[in-house]
């Protein structure tokens, strides 16, 4: 376990100044959060899902069944937009 932690720290120290590192870090953290949220949601609603007998639209199925995923996609988009915007501001300040 200590070796894994030291390897992760070495990776962070080596690549934290790279431009792509922030994007990869945000995506990795959000993917881990999505996996945790999906697992918790499955455990919480394990016995509560009724069988699907009625016809519904694809859009309503997407929103009802994947609300957490839709939210996380929006958060990922917002996070990446923020990182790009902050990079552009840093470039303008340097000029």
Protein backbone atom coordinates (compact mmCIF):
# COMPACT_ATOMS: atom_id res chain seq x y z
CA UNK A 1 0.00 0.00 0.00
CA UNK A 2 2.85 2.38 0.81
CA UNK A 3 4.42 1.65 -2.57
CA UNK A 4 1.21 2.52 -4.39
CA UNK A 5 0.89 5.80 -2.49
CA UNK A 6 4.52 6.70 -3.19
CA UNK A 7 4.07 5.92 -6.89
CA UNK A 8 1.00 8.16 -7.04
CA UNK A 9 2.90 10.97 -5.28
CA UNK A 10 5.83 10.58 -7.69
CA UNK A 11 3.40 10.73 -10.63
CA UNK A 12 1.81 13.91 -9.26
CA UNK A 13 5.18 15.54 -8.58
CA UNK A 14 6.52 14.67 -12.03
CA UNK A 15 3.52 15.77 -14.12
CA UNK A 16 1.72 18.46 -12.09
CA UNK A 17 3.24 21.26 -14.18
CA UNK A 18 2.03 19.74 -17.47
CA UNK A 19 -0.90 21.38 -19.23
CA UNK A 20 -2.86 18.13 -19.68
CA UNK A 21 -2.54 17.08 -16.04
CA UNK A 22 -5.41 19.21 -14.74
CA UNK A 23 -7.81 17.78 -17.31
CA UNK A 24 -6.83 14.21 -16.50
CA UNK A 25 -7.09 14.84 -12.76
CA UNK A 26 -10.59 16.33 -13.06
CA UNK A 27 -11.82 13.50 -15.27
CA UNK A 28 -10.32 10.84 -12.99
CA UNK A 29 -11.86 12.33 -9.86
CA UNK A 30 -15.28 12.69 -11.51
CA UNK A 31 -15.20 9.14 -12.86
CA UNK A 32 -14.42 7.84 -9.37
CA UNK A 33 -17.26 9.94 -7.93
CA UNK A 34 -19.64 8.64 -10.61
CA UNK A 35 -18.72 5.04 -9.81
CA UNK A 36 -19.27 5.65 -6.09
CA UNK A 37 -22.60 7.42 -6.70
CA UNK A 38 -23.78 4.64 -9.00
CA UNK A 39 -22.85 1.95 -6.48
CA UNK A 40 -24.55 3.78 -3.61
CA UNK A 41 -27.66 4.35 -5.74
CA UNK A 42 -27.81 0.67 -6.71
CA UNK A 43 -27.45 -0.42 -3.09
CA UNK A 44 -30.03 2.07 -1.86
CA UNK A 45 -32.66 1.21 -4.49
CA UNK A 46 -31.93 -2.50 -4.83
CA UNK A 47 -35.41 -3.73 -3.97
CA UNK A 48 -37.44 -0.65 -4.88
CA UNK A 49 -37.34 -0.90 -8.70
CA UNK A 50 -40.69 -2.09 -10.06
CA UNK A 51 -40.77 -4.15 -13.26
CA UNK A 52 -41.15 -2.12 -16.45
CA UNK A 53 -44.52 -2.93 -17.97
CA UNK A 54 -45.52 0.40 -19.48
CA UNK A 55 -44.05 2.03 -22.54
CA UNK A 56 -42.15 5.26 -22.00
CA UNK A 57 -40.06 7.50 -24.17
CA UNK A 58 -36.30 7.16 -24.44
CA UNK A 59 -35.77 10.66 -23.06
CA UNK A 60 -37.82 10.05 -19.91
CA UNK A 61 -36.03 6.73 -19.35
CA UNK A 62 -32.68 8.49 -19.64
CA UNK A 63 -33.63 11.22 -17.18
CA UNK A 64 -35.27 8.90 -14.63
CA UNK A 65 -32.74 6.07 -14.71
CA UNK A 66 -29.57 8.07 -15.23
CA UNK A 67 -30.16 11.35 -13.41
CA UNK A 68 -26.86 11.03 -11.54
CA UNK A 69 -24.98 10.37 -14.76
CA UNK A 70 -26.57 13.34 -16.52
CA UNK A 71 -25.61 15.53 -13.55
CA UNK A 72 -22.02 14.26 -13.60
CA UNK A 73 -21.74 14.88 -17.35
CA UNK A 74 -22.80 18.48 -16.69
CA UNK A 75 -20.27 18.78 -13.86
CA UNK A 76 -17.50 17.37 -16.08
CA UNK A 77 -18.36 19.85 -18.81
CA UNK A 78 -18.40 22.72 -16.35
CA UNK A 79 -15.10 21.65 -14.79
CA UNK A 80 -13.36 21.38 -18.14
CA UNK A 81 -14.76 24.74 -19.23
CA UNK A 82 -13.46 26.30 -16.01
CA UNK A 83 -9.99 24.83 -16.51
CA UNK A 84 -9.86 26.07 -20.09
CA UNK A 85 -11.10 29.52 -19.10
CA UNK A 86 -8.54 29.80 -16.29
CA UNK A 87 -5.77 28.76 -18.69
CA UNK A 88 -6.85 31.47 -21.13
CA UNK A 89 -6.86 34.05 -18.33
CA UNK A 90 -3.32 33.06 -17.32
CA UNK A 91 -2.17 33.46 -20.92
CA UNK A 92 -3.75 36.94 -21.14
CA UNK A 93 -2.12 37.97 -17.86
CA UNK A 94 1.32 36.91 -19.10
CA UNK A 95 1.04 39.12 -22.19
